[in-house]
Amino acid sequence: MQRTHARGGRRAWTLIAPALTVAAVGIFVWALRPGYQNAVAGMPAPSFSLPEARGGRCDLTNLLTTRRAVLLSFLDARSKPLSRIVADPSRGQLVFLKSMAQQYASKGLAVVIVGCDGLSHGHTLVPRALLNLNYDWQLDGVPVLWDDYQATALRYGVFTLPTTFLVASDGRIQRRWDGFVAPAQLALTVESLLGPPLFRR
């Protein structure tokens, strides 16, 4: 009887041990996956060069040589209204990002949007599909970028959409917001770097 239990225990262990090993290795690899970091205020913003929906590329380093600050927002480009009266957070954020671009461009602010649909839909958009976002929202002067398989989002530690960063001209992150951020918070933080706009909308 004891031998039977011993054999059964050994068999069970030979089945469980490989599964535990695979799980442990998976957790280890996930923790050390290349490029991952949780980009927070005070850290240098991870550099990127991504294709724009309208053609060409947007390079953060080059952008910071001509602008005093960059408001970088990772959004769901295919977000839909949650109901007749409730907007999806990405859509709501987009309204205020467009307003910030219009108000603070003359103060040296660049607003950049990164489409990260893979985080919410499980598969990414091709760059040309982001053109709809440009045209529907009339985002003239606001680059809409395609993040190749969320590689840039991963480097910034983005897991919630929207997630927005304010990057100063020295390349350091001044502020990070996970989730929807109210326009007053955006404006106050931007104005702490650039001063008030010439007009308000």
N, C-alpha and C. Protein backbone atom coordinates (compact mmCIF):
# COMPACT_ATOMS: atom_id res chain seq x y z
N MET A 1 0.83 -1.20 0.00
CA MET A 1 0.00 0.00 0.00
C MET A 1 0.87 1.25 0.00
N GLN A 2 1.91 1.24 0.87
CA GLN A 2 2.81 2.39 0.93
C GLN A 2 3.57 2.56 -0.37
N ARG A 3 3.95 1.40 -1.00
CA ARG A 3 4.67 1.48 -2.27
C ARG A 3 3.78 2.12 -3.35
N THR A 4 2.49 1.77 -3.33
CA THR A 4 1.56 2.33 -4.31
C THR A 4 1.47 3.84 -4.17
N HIS A 5 1.36 4.31 -2.92
CA HIS A 5 1.29 5.75 -2.67
C HIS A 5 2.59 6.43 -3.10
N ALA A 6 3.71 5.79 -2.83
CA ALA A 6 5.00 6.37 -3.20
C ALA A 6 5.12 6.51 -4.71
N ARG A 7 4.68 5.42 -5.42
CA ARG A 7 4.75 5.49 -6.89
C ARG A 7 3.82 6.59 -7.42
N GLY A 8 2.63 6.65 -6.83
CA GLY A 8 1.68 7.68 -7.27
C GLY A 8 2.22 9.08 -7.02
N GLY A 9 2.89 9.26 -5.88
CA GLY A 9 3.48 10.56 -5.56
C GLY A 9 4.57 10.92 -6.54
N ARG A 10 5.40 9.92 -6.89
CA ARG A 10 6.49 10.19 -7.85
C ARG A 10 5.92 10.56 -9.22
N ARG A 11 4.87 9.83 -9.65
CA ARG A 11 4.26 10.12 -10.95
C ARG A 11 3.67 11.53 -10.98
N ALA A 12 2.99 11.87 -9.90
CA ALA A 12 2.39 13.20 -9.83
C ALA A 12 3.48 14.27 -9.89
N TRP A 13 4.56 14.03 -9.18
CA TRP A 13 5.65 15.01 -9.15
C TRP A 13 6.31 15.14 -10.53
N THR A 14 6.44 14.02 -11.25
CA THR A 14 7.06 14.09 -12.57
C THR A 14 6.18 14.87 -13.55
N LEU A 15 4.87 14.94 -13.28
CA LEU A 15 3.99 15.74 -14.11
C LEU A 15 3.98 17.21 -13.69
N ILE A 16 4.04 17.45 -12.38
CA ILE A 16 3.94 18.80 -11.85
C ILE A 16 5.26 19.56 -11.99
N ALA A 17 6.37 18.88 -11.77
CA ALA A 17 7.67 19.56 -11.77
C ALA A 17 7.96 20.31 -13.07
N PRO A 18 7.75 19.68 -14.26
CA PRO A 18 8.01 20.43 -15.50
C PRO A 18 7.12 21.67 -15.63
N ALA A 19 5.85 21.54 -15.20
CA ALA A 19 4.94 22.68 -15.30
C ALA A 19 5.40 23.83 -14.41
N LEU A 20 5.86 23.49 -13.20
CA LEU A 20 6.37 24.52 -12.29
C LEU A 20 7.64 25.16 -12.84
N THR A 21 8.48 24.36 -13.47
CA THR A 21 9.71 24.89 -14.06
C THR A 21 9.40 25.87 -15.18
N VAL A 22 8.46 25.48 -16.05
CA VAL A 22 8.07 26.36 -17.15
C VAL A 22 7.48 27.66 -16.62
N ALA A 23 6.64 27.57 -15.59
CA ALA A 23 6.03 28.77 -15.01
C ALA A 23 7.09 29.69 -14.41
N ALA A 24 8.04 29.09 -13.69
CA ALA A 24 9.10 29.89 -13.07
C ALA A 24 9.96 30.58 -14.11
N VAL A 25 10.29 29.86 -15.17
CA VAL A 25 11.09 30.45 -16.24
C VAL A 25 10.31 31.56 -16.93
N GLY A 26 9.01 31.33 -17.15
CA GLY A 26 8.18 32.35 -17.79
C GLY A 26 8.12 33.62 -16.98
N ILE A 27 7.96 33.51 -15.67
CA ILE A 27 7.93 34.70 -14.81
C ILE A 27 9.27 35.42 -14.85
N PHE A 28 10.36 34.65 -14.83
CA PHE A 28 11.70 35.24 -14.87
C PHE A 28 11.93 36.00 -16.18
N VAL A 29 11.53 35.37 -17.29
CA VAL A 29 11.71 36.01 -18.60
C VAL A 29 10.84 37.25 -18.72
N TRP A 30 9.60 37.16 -18.21
CA TRP A 30 8.71 38.33 -18.25
C TRP A 30 9.30 39.50 -17.47
N ALA A 31 9.88 39.21 -16.31
CA ALA A 31 10.47 40.28 -15.50
C ALA A 31 11.68 40.91 -16.17
N LEU A 32 12.40 40.13 -16.98
CA LEU A 32 13.61 40.62 -17.63
C LEU A 32 13.43 40.87 -19.12
N ARG A 33 12.15 40.97 -19.59
CA ARG A 33 11.92 41.11 -21.02
C ARG A 33 12.62 42.37 -21.53
N PRO A 34 13.22 42.32 -22.70
CA PRO A 34 14.05 43.41 -23.18
C PRO A 34 13.28 44.70 -23.37
N GLY A 35 13.89 45.79 -22.91
CA GLY A 35 13.31 47.10 -23.14
C GLY A 35 12.27 47.53 -22.12
N TYR A 36 11.83 46.62 -21.24
CA TYR A 36 10.78 47.00 -20.30
C TYR A 36 11.32 47.91 -19.21
N GLN A 37 10.61 48.97 -18.93
CA GLN A 37 10.87 49.77 -17.74
C GLN A 37 9.62 50.55 -17.43
N ASN A 38 9.50 50.97 -16.21
CA ASN A 38 8.36 51.79 -15.81
C ASN A 38 8.83 53.23 -15.80
N ALA A 39 8.66 53.92 -16.92
CA ALA A 39 9.16 55.29 -17.07
C ALA A 39 8.37 56.23 -16.17
N VAL A 40 9.06 56.90 -15.28
CA VAL A 40 8.40 57.78 -14.32
C VAL A 40 9.09 59.14 -14.32
N ALA A 41 8.48 60.09 -13.61
CA ALA A 41 9.02 61.45 -13.56
C ALA A 41 10.46 61.44 -13.04
N GLY A 42 11.29 62.24 -13.69
CA GLY A 42 12.70 62.33 -13.32
C GLY A 42 13.61 61.47 -14.15
N MET A 43 13.04 60.47 -14.84
CA MET A 43 13.84 59.58 -15.68
C MET A 43 13.97 60.15 -17.08
N PRO A 44 15.06 59.80 -17.79
CA PRO A 44 15.12 60.16 -19.22
C PRO A 44 14.03 59.42 -19.98
N ALA A 45 13.35 60.12 -20.85
CA ALA A 45 12.31 59.48 -21.66
C ALA A 45 12.96 58.53 -22.67
N PRO A 46 12.51 57.28 -22.76
CA PRO A 46 13.06 56.37 -23.76
C PRO A 46 12.92 56.96 -25.16
N SER A 47 14.00 56.91 -25.92
CA SER A 47 13.96 57.47 -27.27
C SER A 47 13.15 56.56 -28.18
N PHE A 48 12.62 57.13 -29.26
CA PHE A 48 11.90 56.34 -30.25
C PHE A 48 11.92 57.07 -31.58
N SER A 49 11.74 56.31 -32.63
CA SER A 49 11.53 56.83 -33.98
C SER A 49 10.45 55.95 -34.60
N LEU A 50 9.26 56.51 -34.75
CA LEU A 50 8.09 55.73 -35.18
C LEU A 50 7.49 56.32 -36.45
N PRO A 51 6.87 55.46 -37.27
CA PRO A 51 6.21 55.96 -38.49
C PRO A 51 4.96 56.76 -38.17
N GLU A 52 4.78 57.85 -38.93
CA GLU A 52 3.59 58.67 -38.79
C GLU A 52 2.50 58.18 -39.74
N ALA A 53 1.26 58.35 -39.33
CA ALA A 53 0.14 57.91 -40.16
C ALA A 53 0.13 58.63 -41.50
N ARG A 54 0.56 59.88 -41.53
CA ARG A 54 0.54 60.66 -42.77
C ARG A 54 1.83 60.51 -43.58
N GLY A 55 2.71 59.65 -43.13
CA GLY A 55 3.97 59.44 -43.83
C GLY A 55 5.13 60.05 -43.08
N GLY A 56 6.32 59.53 -43.31
CA GLY A 56 7.50 60.00 -42.60
C GLY A 56 7.62 59.35 -41.24
N ARG A 57 8.52 59.87 -40.44
CA ARG A 57 8.76 59.33 -39.11
C ARG A 57 8.84 60.47 -38.10
N CYS A 58 8.58 60.14 -36.86
CA CYS A 58 8.70 61.10 -35.76
C CYS A 58 9.77 60.58 -34.81
N ASP A 59 10.77 61.39 -34.58
CA ASP A 59 11.89 61.02 -33.72
C ASP A 59 11.87 61.93 -32.50
N LEU A 60 11.79 61.34 -31.31
CA LEU A 60 11.68 62.15 -30.08
C LEU A 60 12.88 63.06 -29.90
N THR A 61 14.07 62.55 -30.12
CA THR A 61 15.27 63.36 -29.93
C THR A 61 15.26 64.58 -30.84
N ASN A 62 14.92 64.37 -32.11
CA ASN A 62 14.85 65.50 -33.05
C ASN A 62 13.77 66.49 -32.66
N LEU A 63 12.64 65.97 -32.19
CA LEU A 63 11.52 66.84 -31.80
C LEU A 63 11.93 67.75 -30.64
N LEU A 64 12.69 67.21 -29.70
CA LEU A 64 13.09 67.99 -28.52
C LEU A 64 14.13 69.05 -28.83
N THR A 65 14.75 68.97 -30.00
CA THR A 65 15.71 70.01 -30.38
C THR A 65 15.00 71.27 -30.88
N THR A 66 13.74 71.14 -31.27
CA THR A 66 12.99 72.29 -31.80
C THR A 66 11.84 72.71 -30.90
N ARG A 67 11.49 71.88 -29.91
CA ARG A 67 10.36 72.18 -29.01
C ARG A 67 10.82 72.25 -27.57
N ARG A 68 10.11 73.02 -26.78
CA ARG A 68 10.47 73.16 -25.36
C ARG A 68 9.92 72.02 -24.51
N ALA A 69 8.90 71.33 -25.00
CA ALA A 69 8.32 70.20 -24.27
C ALA A 69 7.48 69.37 -25.23
N VAL A 70 7.31 68.09 -24.88
CA VAL A 70 6.49 67.18 -25.67
C VAL A 70 5.47 66.52 -24.76
N LEU A 71 4.20 66.60 -25.16
CA LEU A 71 3.13 65.90 -24.47
C LEU A 71 2.85 64.64 -25.28
N LEU A 72 3.26 63.50 -24.73
CA LEU A 72 3.22 62.22 -25.43
C LEU A 72 2.13 61.35 -24.83
N SER A 73 1.16 60.96 -25.66
CA SER A 73 0.02 60.20 -25.13
C SER A 73 -0.18 58.91 -25.90
N PHE A 74 -0.23 57.80 -25.18
CA PHE A 74 -0.51 56.48 -25.74
C PHE A 74 -2.02 56.24 -25.63
N LEU A 75 -2.68 56.07 -26.79
CA LEU A 75 -4.14 55.98 -26.83
C LEU A 75 -4.61 54.76 -27.58
N ASP A 76 -5.90 54.45 -27.40
CA ASP A 76 -6.58 53.46 -28.21
C ASP A 76 -7.22 54.21 -29.38
N ALA A 77 -6.63 54.06 -30.57
CA ALA A 77 -7.11 54.82 -31.74
C ALA A 77 -8.47 54.36 -32.22
N ARG A 78 -8.91 53.17 -31.81
CA ARG A 78 -10.22 52.66 -32.26
C ARG A 78 -11.25 52.68 -31.15
N SER A 79 -11.04 53.52 -30.15
CA SER A 79 -11.97 53.55 -29.03
C SER A 79 -13.34 54.03 -29.49
N LYS A 80 -14.36 53.52 -28.85
CA LYS A 80 -15.75 53.87 -29.16
C LYS A 80 -16.40 54.44 -27.90
N PRO A 81 -17.45 55.26 -28.05
CA PRO A 81 -18.16 55.74 -26.86
C PRO A 81 -18.69 54.56 -26.04
N LEU A 82 -18.56 54.64 -24.72
CA LEU A 82 -19.05 53.56 -23.87
C LEU A 82 -20.57 53.55 -23.79
N SER A 83 -21.17 54.72 -23.93
CA SER A 83 -22.62 54.85 -23.97
C SER A 83 -22.94 56.19 -24.63
N ARG A 84 -24.20 56.54 -24.65
CA ARG A 84 -24.58 57.82 -25.28
C ARG A 84 -24.06 59.02 -24.50
N ILE A 85 -23.78 58.82 -23.22
CA ILE A 85 -23.34 59.96 -22.40
C ILE A 85 -21.95 59.77 -21.82
N VAL A 86 -21.36 58.59 -21.98
CA VAL A 86 -20.03 58.33 -21.41
C VAL A 86 -19.04 58.05 -22.54
N ALA A 87 -17.98 58.83 -22.59
CA ALA A 87 -16.95 58.65 -23.62
C ALA A 87 -15.91 57.65 -23.14
N ASP A 88 -15.32 56.92 -24.08
CA ASP A 88 -14.17 56.10 -23.75
C ASP A 88 -13.04 57.02 -23.29
N PRO A 89 -12.23 56.62 -22.31
CA PRO A 89 -11.17 57.50 -21.81
C PRO A 89 -10.22 58.00 -22.91
N SER A 90 -9.91 57.15 -23.88
CA SER A 90 -9.01 57.58 -24.95
C SER A 90 -9.65 58.68 -25.80
N ARG A 91 -10.95 58.54 -26.08
CA ARG A 91 -11.63 59.58 -26.87
C ARG A 91 -11.71 60.87 -26.08
N GLY A 92 -12.04 60.76 -24.81
CA GLY A 92 -12.09 61.96 -23.97
C GLY A 92 -10.74 62.65 -23.88
N GLN A 93 -9.67 61.86 -23.76
CA GLN A 93 -8.34 62.44 -23.68
C GLN A 93 -7.96 63.14 -24.96
N LEU A 94 -8.36 62.56 -26.08
CA LEU A 94 -8.02 63.11 -27.38
C LEU A 94 -8.58 64.52 -27.57
N VAL A 95 -9.77 64.76 -27.03
CA VAL A 95 -10.39 66.09 -27.12
C VAL A 95 -9.47 67.13 -26.49
N PHE A 96 -8.96 66.82 -25.31
CA PHE A 96 -8.14 67.79 -24.59
C PHE A 96 -6.72 67.88 -25.13
N LEU A 97 -6.21 66.78 -25.68
CA LEU A 97 -4.89 66.83 -26.29
C LEU A 97 -4.91 67.76 -27.51
N LYS A 98 -5.97 67.68 -28.30
CA LYS A 98 -6.10 68.56 -29.46
C LYS A 98 -6.15 70.02 -29.01
N SER A 99 -6.89 70.28 -27.94
CA SER A 99 -6.98 71.64 -27.41
C SER A 99 -5.63 72.13 -26.90
N MET A 100 -4.89 71.25 -26.23
CA MET A 100 -3.56 71.62 -25.72
C MET A 100 -2.63 71.95 -26.88
N ALA A 101 -2.71 71.18 -27.95
CA ALA A 101 -1.86 71.43 -29.12
C ALA A 101 -2.16 72.81 -29.70
N GLN A 102 -3.42 73.18 -29.76
CA GLN A 102 -3.81 74.46 -30.33
C GLN A 102 -3.40 75.63 -29.43
N GLN A 103 -3.53 75.46 -28.12
CA GLN A 103 -3.26 76.55 -27.20
C GLN A 103 -1.77 76.79 -26.95
N TYR A 104 -0.99 75.69 -26.89
CA TYR A 104 0.39 75.82 -26.42
C TYR A 104 1.45 75.62 -27.50
N ALA A 105 1.04 75.46 -28.74
CA ALA A 105 2.03 75.30 -29.81
C ALA A 105 2.95 76.51 -29.89
N SER A 106 2.38 77.70 -29.73
CA SER A 106 3.19 78.92 -29.81
C SER A 106 4.14 79.06 -28.63
N LYS A 107 3.89 78.30 -27.56
CA LYS A 107 4.78 78.31 -26.39
C LYS A 107 5.87 77.25 -26.48
N GLY A 108 5.84 76.46 -27.57
CA GLY A 108 6.89 75.45 -27.77
C GLY A 108 6.48 74.04 -27.40
N LEU A 109 5.16 73.78 -27.26
CA LEU A 109 4.70 72.44 -26.92
C LEU A 109 4.38 71.65 -28.19
N ALA A 110 4.84 70.42 -28.23
CA ALA A 110 4.44 69.47 -29.28
C ALA A 110 3.59 68.39 -28.63
N VAL A 111 2.45 68.09 -29.24
CA VAL A 111 1.60 67.00 -28.79
C VAL A 111 1.77 65.85 -29.77
N VAL A 112 2.05 64.66 -29.23
CA VAL A 112 2.28 63.47 -30.06
C VAL A 112 1.38 62.35 -29.55
N ILE A 113 0.69 61.69 -30.46
CA ILE A 113 -0.22 60.59 -30.11
C ILE A 113 0.34 59.29 -30.67
N VAL A 114 0.34 58.26 -29.84
CA VAL A 114 0.82 56.93 -30.26
C VAL A 114 -0.36 55.97 -30.19
N GLY A 115 -0.71 55.37 -31.33
CA GLY A 115 -1.79 54.38 -31.35
C GLY A 115 -1.32 53.05 -30.80
N CYS A 116 -1.96 52.61 -29.73
CA CYS A 116 -1.56 51.36 -29.05
C CYS A 116 -2.73 50.40 -28.96
N ASP A 117 -3.40 50.17 -30.06
CA ASP A 117 -4.61 49.35 -30.04
C ASP A 117 -4.36 47.92 -29.60
N GLY A 118 -3.14 47.43 -29.79
CA GLY A 118 -2.84 46.06 -29.39
C GLY A 118 -3.03 45.82 -27.90
N LEU A 119 -2.88 46.87 -27.08
CA LEU A 119 -3.04 46.71 -25.64
C LEU A 119 -4.50 46.47 -25.26
N SER A 120 -5.43 46.97 -26.09
CA SER A 120 -6.85 46.81 -25.76
C SER A 120 -7.58 45.86 -26.69
N HIS A 121 -7.07 45.70 -27.94
CA HIS A 121 -7.77 44.86 -28.92
C HIS A 121 -7.03 43.56 -29.22
N GLY A 122 -5.78 43.45 -28.78
CA GLY A 122 -5.04 42.21 -28.99
C GLY A 122 -4.31 42.14 -30.31
N HIS A 123 -4.53 43.09 -31.21
CA HIS A 123 -3.77 43.13 -32.46
C HIS A 123 -3.61 44.58 -32.89
N THR A 124 -2.52 44.87 -33.57
CA THR A 124 -2.19 46.25 -33.89
C THR A 124 -2.81 46.68 -35.21
N LEU A 125 -2.88 47.98 -35.40
CA LEU A 125 -3.32 48.56 -36.65
C LEU A 125 -2.13 48.70 -37.60
N VAL A 126 -2.40 48.64 -38.87
CA VAL A 126 -1.38 49.01 -39.83
C VAL A 126 -1.35 50.54 -39.88
N PRO A 127 -0.20 51.14 -40.21
CA PRO A 127 -0.10 52.60 -40.14
C PRO A 127 -1.18 53.35 -40.90
N ARG A 128 -1.57 52.86 -42.09
CA ARG A 128 -2.55 53.61 -42.88
C ARG A 128 -3.92 53.66 -42.20
N ALA A 129 -4.21 52.68 -41.33
CA ALA A 129 -5.51 52.69 -40.65
C ALA A 129 -5.61 53.86 -39.67
N LEU A 130 -4.45 54.37 -39.20
CA LEU A 130 -4.47 55.50 -38.28
C LEU A 130 -4.84 56.80 -38.99
N LEU A 131 -4.86 56.79 -40.31
CA LEU A 131 -5.26 57.98 -41.05
C LEU A 131 -6.67 58.42 -40.70
N ASN A 132 -7.54 57.44 -40.41
CA ASN A 132 -8.91 57.79 -40.04
C ASN A 132 -8.94 58.67 -38.81
N LEU A 133 -8.06 58.38 -37.85
CA LEU A 133 -8.00 59.19 -36.63
C LEU A 133 -7.58 60.61 -36.98
N ASN A 134 -6.60 60.76 -37.87
CA ASN A 134 -6.17 62.09 -38.30
C ASN A 134 -7.29 62.88 -38.93
N TYR A 135 -8.01 62.24 -39.86
CA TYR A 135 -9.05 62.95 -40.60
C TYR A 135 -10.30 63.19 -39.76
N ASP A 136 -10.71 62.18 -39.00
CA ASP A 136 -11.93 62.33 -38.20
C ASP A 136 -11.80 63.43 -37.15
N TRP A 137 -10.61 63.53 -36.56
CA TRP A 137 -10.39 64.50 -35.49
C TRP A 137 -9.68 65.77 -35.97
N GLN A 138 -9.36 65.82 -37.27
CA GLN A 138 -8.68 66.99 -37.85
C GLN A 138 -7.43 67.35 -37.03
N LEU A 139 -6.54 66.37 -36.93
CA LEU A 139 -5.34 66.52 -36.11
C LEU A 139 -4.19 67.10 -36.92
N ASP A 140 -4.42 68.23 -37.54
CA ASP A 140 -3.36 68.90 -38.29
C ASP A 140 -2.28 69.37 -37.31
N GLY A 141 -1.04 69.01 -37.61
CA GLY A 141 0.06 69.42 -36.74
C GLY A 141 0.30 68.53 -35.55
N VAL A 142 -0.55 67.50 -35.36
CA VAL A 142 -0.37 66.54 -34.26
C VAL A 142 0.01 65.19 -34.86
N PRO A 143 1.26 64.77 -34.73
CA PRO A 143 1.66 63.47 -35.29
C PRO A 143 0.93 62.32 -34.60
N VAL A 144 0.38 61.43 -35.41
CA VAL A 144 -0.23 60.20 -34.90
C VAL A 144 0.68 59.06 -35.35
N LEU A 145 1.24 58.34 -34.39
CA LEU A 145 2.29 57.37 -34.66
C LEU A 145 1.81 55.94 -34.50
N TRP A 146 2.42 55.07 -35.26
CA TRP A 146 2.15 53.64 -35.18
C TRP A 146 3.26 52.99 -34.37
N ASP A 147 2.89 52.34 -33.26
CA ASP A 147 3.86 51.68 -32.38
C ASP A 147 3.97 50.22 -32.78
N ASP A 148 5.05 49.86 -33.44
CA ASP A 148 5.25 48.50 -33.94
C ASP A 148 5.11 47.48 -32.81
N TYR A 149 3.96 46.83 -32.74
CA TYR A 149 3.71 45.76 -31.77
C TYR A 149 3.93 46.21 -30.33
N GLN A 150 3.61 47.46 -30.06
CA GLN A 150 3.70 48.02 -28.71
C GLN A 150 5.11 48.04 -28.13
N ALA A 151 6.12 48.03 -28.98
CA ALA A 151 7.51 48.02 -28.49
C ALA A 151 7.81 49.28 -27.70
N THR A 152 7.34 50.43 -28.18
CA THR A 152 7.60 51.69 -27.46
C THR A 152 6.77 51.76 -26.19
N ALA A 153 5.52 51.34 -26.26
CA ALA A 153 4.68 51.32 -25.05
C ALA A 153 5.32 50.46 -23.98
N LEU A 154 5.92 49.35 -24.38
CA LEU A 154 6.59 48.46 -23.44
C LEU A 154 7.77 49.16 -22.79
N ARG A 155 8.53 49.92 -23.58
CA ARG A 155 9.69 50.62 -23.04
C ARG A 155 9.28 51.71 -22.05
N TYR A 156 8.07 52.24 -22.23
CA TYR A 156 7.56 53.25 -21.30
C TYR A 156 6.78 52.63 -20.13
N GLY A 157 6.59 51.32 -20.17
CA GLY A 157 5.82 50.67 -19.11
C GLY A 157 4.35 51.00 -19.15
N VAL A 158 3.79 51.11 -20.36
CA VAL A 158 2.38 51.47 -20.53
C VAL A 158 1.53 50.22 -20.58
N PHE A 159 0.56 50.12 -19.68
CA PHE A 159 -0.38 49.00 -19.66
C PHE A 159 -1.82 49.49 -19.57
N THR A 160 -2.01 50.80 -19.39
CA THR A 160 -3.33 51.41 -19.30
C THR A 160 -3.46 52.45 -20.40
N LEU A 161 -4.60 52.48 -21.08
CA LEU A 161 -4.85 53.48 -22.10
C LEU A 161 -6.00 54.38 -21.66
N PRO A 162 -5.81 55.68 -21.73
CA PRO A 162 -4.59 56.36 -22.15
C PRO A 162 -3.55 56.45 -21.05
N THR A 163 -2.29 56.59 -21.43
CA THR A 163 -1.20 56.97 -20.52
C THR A 163 -0.45 58.10 -21.20
N THR A 164 -0.21 59.18 -20.43
CA THR A 164 0.34 60.40 -21.00
C THR A 164 1.58 60.83 -20.23
N PHE A 165 2.56 61.35 -20.97
CA PHE A 165 3.82 61.81 -20.40
C PHE A 165 4.09 63.24 -20.85
N LEU A 166 4.63 64.04 -19.95
CA LEU A 166 5.15 65.36 -20.31
C LEU A 166 6.67 65.27 -20.25
N VAL A 167 7.32 65.51 -21.39
CA VAL A 167 8.77 65.40 -21.50
C VAL A 167 9.34 66.79 -21.75
N ALA A 168 10.31 67.21 -20.93
CA ALA A 168 10.93 68.52 -21.08
C ALA A 168 11.99 68.49 -22.18
N SER A 169 12.50 69.65 -22.54
CA SER A 169 13.47 69.75 -23.63
C SER A 169 14.78 69.04 -23.31
N ASP A 170 15.07 68.81 -22.02
CA ASP A 170 16.29 68.07 -21.67
C ASP A 170 16.10 66.56 -21.79
N GLY A 171 14.91 66.13 -22.23
CA GLY A 171 14.65 64.71 -22.44
C GLY A 171 14.16 63.97 -21.22
N ARG A 172 13.96 64.67 -20.12
CA ARG A 172 13.50 64.01 -18.89
C ARG A 172 11.99 64.10 -18.74
N ILE A 173 11.42 63.06 -18.20
CA ILE A 173 9.97 63.02 -17.96
C ILE A 173 9.65 63.92 -16.77
N GLN A 174 8.75 64.86 -16.98
CA GLN A 174 8.32 65.74 -15.90
C GLN A 174 7.12 65.19 -15.14
N ARG A 175 6.26 64.48 -15.87
CA ARG A 175 5.04 63.96 -15.24
C ARG A 175 4.52 62.78 -16.03
N ARG A 176 3.93 61.84 -15.33
CA ARG A 176 3.28 60.69 -15.94
C ARG A 176 1.86 60.59 -15.38
N TRP A 177 0.90 60.37 -16.29
CA TRP A 177 -0.49 60.15 -15.88
C TRP A 177 -0.95 58.82 -16.44
N ASP A 178 -1.35 57.90 -15.59
CA ASP A 178 -1.93 56.62 -16.02
C ASP A 178 -3.45 56.76 -16.01
N GLY A 179 -4.08 56.58 -17.18
CA GLY A 179 -5.51 56.78 -17.29
C GLY A 179 -5.83 58.21 -17.72
N PHE A 180 -7.11 58.50 -17.79
CA PHE A 180 -7.56 59.81 -18.23
C PHE A 180 -7.07 60.89 -17.28
N VAL A 181 -6.58 62.00 -17.83
CA VAL A 181 -6.14 63.12 -17.01
C VAL A 181 -6.96 64.35 -17.38
N ALA A 182 -7.45 65.04 -16.37
CA ALA A 182 -8.31 66.20 -16.59
C ALA A 182 -7.53 67.33 -17.23
N PRO A 183 -8.20 68.15 -18.04
CA PRO A 183 -7.50 69.24 -18.74
C PRO A 183 -6.83 70.23 -17.80
N ALA A 184 -7.43 70.48 -16.64
CA ALA A 184 -6.83 71.42 -15.69
C ALA A 184 -5.46 70.91 -15.21
N GLN A 185 -5.36 69.60 -14.97
CA GLN A 185 -4.07 69.04 -14.55
C GLN A 185 -3.04 69.14 -15.66
N LEU A 186 -3.46 68.83 -16.89
CA LEU A 186 -2.55 68.96 -18.03
C LEU A 186 -2.06 70.40 -18.15
N ALA A 187 -3.00 71.34 -18.10
CA ALA A 187 -2.65 72.75 -18.29
C ALA A 187 -1.71 73.25 -17.21
N LEU A 188 -1.99 72.92 -15.96
CA LEU A 188 -1.14 73.39 -14.86
C LEU A 188 0.29 72.88 -15.00
N THR A 189 0.42 71.61 -15.36
CA THR A 189 1.76 71.03 -15.48
C THR A 189 2.51 71.61 -16.67
N VAL A 190 1.81 71.76 -17.79
CA VAL A 190 2.45 72.36 -18.97
C VAL A 190 2.86 73.80 -18.70
N GLU A 191 1.98 74.55 -18.03
CA GLU A 191 2.28 75.95 -17.75
C GLU A 191 3.42 76.12 -16.76
N SER A 192 3.65 75.11 -15.91
CA SER A 192 4.80 75.19 -15.00
C SER A 192 6.12 75.16 -15.77
N LEU A 193 6.10 74.62 -16.99
CA LEU A 193 7.28 74.60 -17.84
C LEU A 193 7.30 75.75 -18.84
N LEU A 194 6.15 76.05 -19.43
CA LEU A 194 6.11 76.95 -20.58
C LEU A 194 5.43 78.28 -20.33
N GLY A 195 4.75 78.42 -19.20
CA GLY A 195 3.99 79.63 -18.96
C GLY A 195 2.60 79.53 -19.57
N PRO A 196 1.74 80.52 -19.33
CA PRO A 196 0.36 80.47 -19.82
C PRO A 196 0.28 80.66 -21.32
N PRO A 197 -0.79 80.16 -21.93
CA PRO A 197 -0.94 80.32 -23.39
C PRO A 197 -1.34 81.74 -23.75
N LEU A 198 -1.23 82.06 -25.01
CA LEU A 198 -1.66 83.37 -25.48
C LEU A 198 -3.17 83.50 -25.48
N PHE A 199 -3.86 82.35 -25.61
CA PHE A 199 -5.33 82.33 -25.54
C PHE A 199 -5.74 81.01 -24.92
N ARG A 200 -6.97 80.95 -24.40
CA ARG A 200 -7.49 79.72 -23.82
C ARG A 200 -8.74 79.31 -24.57
N ARG A 201 -8.91 77.96 -24.65
CA ARG A 201 -10.09 77.44 -25.34
C ARG A 201 -10.88 76.61 -24.37
